[in-house]
Protein backbone atom coordinates (compact mmCIF):
# COMPACT_ATOMS: atom_id res chain seq x y z
CA UNK A 1 0.00 0.00 0.00
CA UNK A 2 1.23 3.46 -0.87
CA UNK A 3 1.49 5.84 2.05
CA UNK A 4 -0.04 9.22 1.22
CA UNK A 5 0.15 12.33 3.38
CA UNK A 6 -2.53 14.94 2.70
CA UNK A 7 -2.08 18.57 3.75
CA UNK A 8 -5.18 20.67 4.36
CA UNK A 9 -7.26 17.58 5.14
CA UNK A 10 -9.97 19.66 6.88
CA UNK A 11 -10.80 21.37 3.59
CA UNK A 12 -13.18 20.28 0.85
CA UNK A 13 -10.70 18.41 -1.34
CA UNK A 14 -8.72 17.20 1.67
CA UNK A 15 -11.76 15.52 3.22
CA UNK A 16 -12.76 13.92 -0.08
CA UNK A 17 -9.24 12.52 -0.49
CA UNK A 18 -9.34 11.00 2.99
CA UNK A 19 -12.77 9.42 2.38
CA UNK A 20 -11.68 8.05 -1.00
CA UNK A 21 -8.63 6.40 0.55
CA UNK A 22 -10.39 4.87 3.55
CA UNK A 23 -13.08 3.46 1.25
CA UNK A 24 -10.46 1.71 -0.88
CA UNK A 25 -7.55 -0.61 -0.19
CA UNK A 26 -4.77 0.99 -2.24
CA UNK A 27 -3.49 3.65 0.11
CA UNK A 28 -2.52 4.25 3.71
CA UNK A 29 -3.67 7.78 4.53
CA UNK A 30 -2.08 10.28 6.89
CA UNK A 31 -4.33 13.34 7.13
CA UNK A 32 -2.82 16.63 8.31
CA UNK A 33 -4.26 20.09 8.81
CA UNK A 34 -4.14 23.10 11.12
CA UNK A 35 -6.14 22.53 14.30
CA UNK A 36 -8.24 19.52 15.35
CA UNK A 37 -9.52 16.96 12.86
CA UNK A 38 -12.90 18.09 11.49
CA UNK A 39 -13.71 14.83 9.66
CA UNK A 40 -16.45 12.93 11.53
CA UNK A 41 -15.17 9.51 10.46
CA UNK A 42 -12.13 8.80 12.60
CA UNK A 43 -11.28 5.25 11.52
CA UNK A 44 -9.20 3.97 8.64
CA UNK A 45 -6.55 6.70 8.64
CA UNK A 46 -4.34 8.67 11.02
CA UNK A 47 -4.53 12.39 11.73
CA UNK A 48 -1.78 14.76 12.82
CA UNK A 49 -1.88 18.52 13.21
CA UNK A 50 0.48 20.28 10.82
CA UNK A 51 0.94 23.93 9.94
CA UNK A 52 2.80 23.84 6.63
CA UNK A 53 4.03 27.42 7.13
CA UNK A 54 6.29 26.02 9.89
CA UNK A 55 9.39 24.77 8.05
CA UNK A 56 10.75 22.81 11.02
CA UNK A 57 7.49 20.90 11.50
CA UNK A 58 7.16 20.13 7.78
CA UNK A 59 10.71 18.77 7.52
CA UNK A 60 10.37 16.78 10.73
CA UNK A 61 7.00 15.19 9.93
CA UNK A 62 7.86 14.13 6.39
CA UNK A 63 11.21 12.73 7.56
CA UNK A 64 9.45 10.71 10.28
CA UNK A 65 6.50 9.45 8.24
CA UNK A 66 8.38 8.98 4.96
CA UNK A 67 5.25 8.93 2.77
CA UNK A 68 5.40 7.78 -0.84
CA UNK A 69 3.37 10.82 -1.88
CA UNK A 70 2.38 14.19 -0.42
CA UNK A 71 -0.78 15.80 -1.82
CA UNK A 72 -0.73 19.50 -0.97
CA UNK A 73 -4.30 20.82 -0.87
CA UNK A 74 -3.59 23.54 1.71
CA UNK A 75 -3.77 27.09 0.34
CA UNK A 76 -5.15 30.55 0.87
CA UNK A 77 -7.85 30.55 -1.81
CA UNK A 78 -9.94 33.63 -1.00
CA UNK A 79 -8.91 35.69 -4.00
CA UNK A 80 -9.75 39.10 -2.55
CA UNK A 81 -8.23 38.26 0.84
CA UNK A 82 -4.97 37.40 -0.94
CA UNK A 83 -5.03 40.86 -2.49
CA UNK A 84 -5.40 42.56 0.89
CA UNK A 85 -3.14 40.19 2.88
CA UNK A 86 -0.24 39.60 0.51
CA UNK A 87 2.06 38.51 3.33
CA UNK A 88 -0.36 35.84 4.53
CA UNK A 89 -0.92 34.72 0.95
CA UNK A 90 2.82 34.36 0.32
CA UNK A 91 3.33 32.52 3.59
CA UNK A 92 0.84 29.75 2.76
CA UNK A 93 0.83 29.68 -1.04
CA UNK A 94 4.54 30.21 -1.74
CA UNK A 95 6.82 29.80 1.30
CA UNK A 96 5.05 26.68 2.58
CA UNK A 97 5.38 25.05 -0.85
CA UNK A 98 9.12 25.71 -0.69
CA UNK A 99 9.23 23.82 2.65
CA UNK A 100 7.22 20.90 1.24
CA UNK A 101 9.49 20.70 -1.79
CA UNK A 102 12.57 20.72 0.46
CA UNK A 103 11.15 17.95 2.64
CA UNK A 104 10.07 15.85 -0.35
CA UNK A 105 13.50 16.26 -1.99
CA UNK A 106 15.27 15.10 1.15
CA UNK A 107 13.07 12.03 1.52
CA UNK A 108 12.51 11.13 -2.15
CA UNK A 109 8.76 11.76 -1.98
CA UNK A 110 6.43 12.34 -4.94
CA UNK A 111 4.76 15.75 -4.46
CA UNK A 112 1.34 16.49 -5.95
CA UNK A 113 0.66 20.21 -5.67
CA UNK A 114 -2.80 21.71 -6.26
CA UNK A 115 -3.07 24.80 -8.41
CA UNK A 116 -5.73 26.82 -10.19
CA UNK A 117 -7.16 28.16 -13.44
CA UNK A 118 -6.36 31.63 -12.05
CA UNK A 119 -2.76 31.23 -13.26
CA UNK A 120 -4.25 32.18 -16.67
CA UNK A 121 -5.56 35.57 -17.78
CA UNK A 122 -8.77 34.15 -19.24
CA UNK A 123 -8.34 35.77 -22.64
CA UNK A 124 -8.08 32.48 -24.53
CA UNK A 125 -9.76 29.66 -22.58
CA UNK A 126 -10.21 26.75 -22.42
CA UNK A 127 -6.59 26.00 -21.61
CA UNK A 128 -4.26 23.06 -22.13
CA UNK A 129 -1.44 22.21 -19.72
CA UNK A 130 1.27 23.72 -21.91
CA UNK A 131 -0.45 27.10 -22.37
CA UNK A 132 1.44 30.04 -20.94
CA UNK A 133 0.28 31.33 -17.53
CA UNK A 134 -0.37 35.04 -17.10
CA UNK A 135 -2.06 35.61 -13.72
CA UNK A 136 -4.18 38.72 -13.14
CA UNK A 137 -4.41 38.63 -9.32
CA UNK A 138 -2.06 38.27 -6.37
CA UNK A 139 -3.67 34.89 -5.65
CA UNK A 140 -3.10 33.70 -9.22
CA UNK A 141 0.46 34.96 -9.12
CA UNK A 142 1.14 33.21 -5.81
CA UNK A 143 -0.04 29.91 -7.28
CA UNK A 144 2.05 30.46 -10.40
CA UNK A 145 5.10 31.12 -8.20
CA UNK A 146 4.42 27.90 -6.31
CA UNK A 147 4.16 25.97 -9.58
CA UNK A 148 7.56 27.33 -10.62
CA UNK A 149 9.06 26.27 -7.27
CA UNK A 150 7.82 22.71 -7.85
CA UNK A 151 8.84 22.59 -11.53
CA UNK A 152 12.33 23.99 -10.94
CA UNK A 153 13.04 21.84 -7.87
CA UNK A 154 15.32 18.85 -7.59
CA UNK A 155 12.35 16.53 -7.05
CA UNK A 156 12.66 13.24 -8.91
CA UNK A 157 8.89 13.08 -9.21
CA UNK A 158 6.42 15.96 -9.06
CA UNK A 159 2.93 16.73 -10.33
CA UNK A 160 0.83 19.88 -10.49
CA UNK A 161 -2.95 19.43 -10.58
CA UNK A 162 -4.80 22.57 -11.66
CA UNK A 163 -8.52 22.81 -11.02
CA UNK A 164 -11.52 25.16 -11.25
CA UNK A 165 -14.39 26.09 -8.83
CA UNK A 166 -14.61 22.99 -6.64
CA UNK A 167 -17.99 22.17 -5.10
CA UNK A 168 -19.23 19.50 -2.71
CA UNK A 169 -20.27 18.71 0.85
CA UNK A 170 -17.96 17.97 3.77
CA UNK A 171 -18.02 17.89 7.57
CA UNK A 172 -17.93 21.19 9.49
CA UNK A 173 -17.44 23.31 6.39
CA UNK A 174 -15.44 26.46 7.03
CA UNK A 175 -16.36 27.93 3.63
CA UNK A 176 -19.30 27.53 1.31
CA UNK A 177 -18.97 26.92 -2.42
CA UNK A 178 -20.84 27.98 -5.54
CA UNK A 179 -23.46 25.23 -5.55
CA UNK A 180 -24.34 25.34 -1.85
CA UNK A 181 -24.37 29.15 -1.86
CA UNK A 182 -26.63 29.34 -4.93
CA UNK A 183 -28.99 26.63 -3.66
CA UNK A 184 -29.34 28.40 -0.31
CA UNK A 185 -29.91 31.82 -1.87
CA UNK A 186 -32.48 30.52 -4.37
CA UNK A 187 -34.35 28.65 -1.62
CA UNK A 188 -34.67 31.89 0.34
CA UNK A 189 -35.79 33.76 -2.76
CA UNK A 190 -33.46 36.64 -1.90
CA UNK A 191 -32.41 38.96 -4.73
CA UNK A 192 -28.89 38.04 -5.81
CA UNK A 193 -26.51 39.45 -8.39
CA UNK A 194 -24.51 36.97 -10.46
CA UNK A 195 -21.82 37.69 -13.04
CA UNK A 196 -22.57 36.66 -16.62
CA UNK A 197 -19.14 37.45 -18.07
CA UNK A 198 -16.97 34.91 -16.19
CA UNK A 199 -16.87 31.39 -17.63
CA UNK A 200 -15.71 28.40 -15.60
CA UNK A 201 -15.95 24.60 -15.40
CA UNK A 202 -17.38 23.63 -11.97
CA UNK A 203 -15.61 20.60 -10.52
CA UNK A 204 -17.11 17.99 -8.20
CA UNK A 205 -14.73 17.51 -5.26
CA UNK A 206 -14.91 13.70 -5.55
CA UNK A 207 -13.79 13.90 -9.18
CA UNK A 208 -10.84 16.08 -8.27
CA UNK A 209 -9.88 13.70 -5.46
CA UNK A 210 -10.10 10.75 -7.86
CA UNK A 211 -7.85 12.57 -10.33
CA UNK A 212 -5.25 13.28 -7.63
CA UNK A 213 -5.24 9.64 -6.54
CA UNK A 214 -4.84 8.48 -10.14
CA UNK A 215 -1.72 10.67 -10.31
CA UNK A 216 -0.48 9.16 -7.03
CA UNK A 217 -1.23 5.61 -8.13
CA UNK A 218 0.58 5.99 -11.45
CA UNK A 219 3.30 8.31 -10.06
CA UNK A 220 2.87 10.39 -13.18
CA UNK A 221 4.95 13.55 -13.36
CA UNK A 222 4.00 16.85 -14.96
CA UNK A 223 1.05 19.23 -15.05
CA UNK A 224 -2.52 17.94 -15.24
CA UNK A 225 -5.77 19.82 -15.74
CA UNK A 226 -8.52 18.31 -13.56
CA UNK A 227 -11.90 20.02 -13.72
CA UNK A 228 -15.51 19.42 -14.63
CA UNK A 229 -16.12 18.74 -18.34
CA UNK A 230 -18.51 21.62 -19.07
CA UNK A 231 -17.76 25.33 -19.41
CA UNK A 232 -20.48 27.81 -18.45
CA UNK A 233 -20.87 31.32 -17.12
CA UNK A 234 -21.40 31.72 -13.38
CA UNK A 235 -24.92 32.92 -14.22
CA UNK A 236 -25.58 29.77 -16.28
CA UNK A 237 -24.33 27.63 -13.41
CA UNK A 238 -26.76 29.32 -11.00
CA UNK A 239 -29.59 28.89 -13.51
CA UNK A 240 -28.75 25.19 -13.88
CA UNK A 241 -28.77 24.81 -10.08
CA UNK A 242 -32.18 26.49 -9.95
CA UNK A 243 -33.57 24.26 -12.71
CA UNK A 244 -32.19 21.11 -11.04
CA UNK A 245 -33.79 21.88 -7.68
CA UNK A 246 -36.97 23.37 -9.16
CA UNK A 247 -36.20 26.79 -7.70
CA UNK A 248 -37.16 30.09 -9.29
CA UNK A 249 -34.32 32.25 -10.63
CA UNK A 250 -36.52 35.31 -11.22
CA UNK A 251 -34.68 37.19 -8.43
CA UNK A 252 -31.28 36.57 -10.04
CA UNK A 253 -29.91 39.70 -11.68
CA UNK A 254 -27.09 39.36 -14.25
CA UNK A 255 -24.22 41.78 -13.71
CA UNK A 256 -20.78 42.47 -15.15
CA UNK A 257 -17.61 41.72 -13.19
CA UNK A 258 -16.40 45.32 -13.22
CA UNK A 259 -19.52 46.49 -11.38
CA UNK A 260 -18.65 44.34 -8.33
CA UNK A 261 -15.65 46.46 -7.39
CA UNK A 262 -13.70 43.44 -6.15
CA UNK A 263 -10.11 43.88 -5.01
CA UNK A 264 -8.79 41.14 -7.30
CA UNK A 265 -9.26 40.92 -11.04
CA UNK A 266 -10.74 37.63 -12.30
CA UNK A 267 -9.97 35.94 -15.62
CA UNK A 268 -13.04 36.21 -17.90
CA UNK A 269 -12.96 32.76 -19.52
CA UNK A 270 -10.98 29.78 -18.29
CA UNK A 271 -12.06 26.14 -18.57
CA UNK A 272 -9.65 23.29 -19.26
CA UNK A 273 -8.89 20.93 -22.11
CA UNK A 274 -8.95 17.55 -20.33
CA UNK A 275 -7.47 15.35 -23.08
CA UNK A 276 -4.16 14.75 -21.28
CA UNK A 277 -5.76 13.78 -17.95
CA UNK A 278 -8.21 11.47 -19.72
CA UNK A 279 -5.54 9.79 -21.84
CA UNK A 280 -2.73 9.48 -19.28
CA UNK A 281 -4.71 9.04 -16.06
CA UNK A 282 -8.10 7.70 -17.11
CA UNK A 283 -9.71 10.78 -15.54
CA UNK A 284 -13.47 10.77 -16.13
CA UNK A 285 -15.28 13.69 -14.47
CA UNK A 286 -19.05 13.64 -14.26
CA UNK A 287 -21.41 16.16 -15.84
CA UNK A 288 -22.59 19.13 -13.79
CA UNK A 289 -26.09 17.65 -13.46
CA UNK A 290 -24.67 14.31 -12.33
CA UNK A 291 -22.53 16.19 -9.80
CA UNK A 292 -25.66 17.87 -8.45
CA UNK A 293 -27.32 14.44 -8.13
CA UNK A 294 -24.35 13.15 -6.11
CA UNK A 295 -24.36 16.24 -3.88
CA UNK A 296 -28.12 15.94 -3.34
CA UNK A 297 -27.74 12.31 -2.25
CA UNK A 298 -25.10 13.40 0.27
CA UNK A 299 -27.37 16.15 1.60
CA UNK A 300 -30.19 13.63 1.97
CA UNK A 301 -27.97 11.16 3.80
CA UNK A 302 -26.82 13.88 6.17
CA UNK A 303 -30.44 14.89 6.81
CA UNK A 304 -31.43 11.26 7.48
CA UNK A 305 -28.59 10.84 9.97
CA UNK A 306 -29.18 14.08 11.86
């Protein structure tokens, strides 16, 4: 069994990775995150607290555990917060990656580092892995810097998994995501403004986790694009969510990005070409509607158990 250490295991992708590993028999999972373990299921894996911005702790833990693979899901992902707290953004998105790379180099560990569509400027999406990054925001730039640290390292084996708008349900969520936010707002019938000039490919968290584990299983090096298969505007996504749940979207007002006055600039049109991930990994993401069905089943199960 391959031993896999996950950073940021309390987050959306982190929790899905842990659940995928404990439900299979391929991997031994060591979950790590800042603070106590927020995953309700406590069996089938081990948990240790780890702040990846602490170089000493990162080097010590990876040297002691000696995992085959580290999957780094920990990041500061609030795009506007990164713009206003550049130091905090650099600490988690850049410096911490340097520590992980150092530890993985010293212990001959395969590093899988999560990145984002925001490394692109959105002028020419959808994007393939070899397309040239040109980030518009401090967040996007921090992730691009971290990619360069991984690519230019002395690691024998490294992978970068870029993704787009991840949605799903996990235990004790610290942040919402597009689908849960839209569903909640539409259920209340509150007036909401939604941008119609940003195009993305929403990604089910389970699909992203599966893609990461395929990379780990095959020890495949390089950059991989792992997202949902369909590109749509944020407005279209909200309308699809409304249609799926039978909720009215009459209170949804389309707006342009520039009218929001957000600190960070967003790329207008991303989306990924998934040919490489499909061919080399066997990555098969589900449709957006199928993703909503899976999420709904999880919500129902949670309701039944509460």
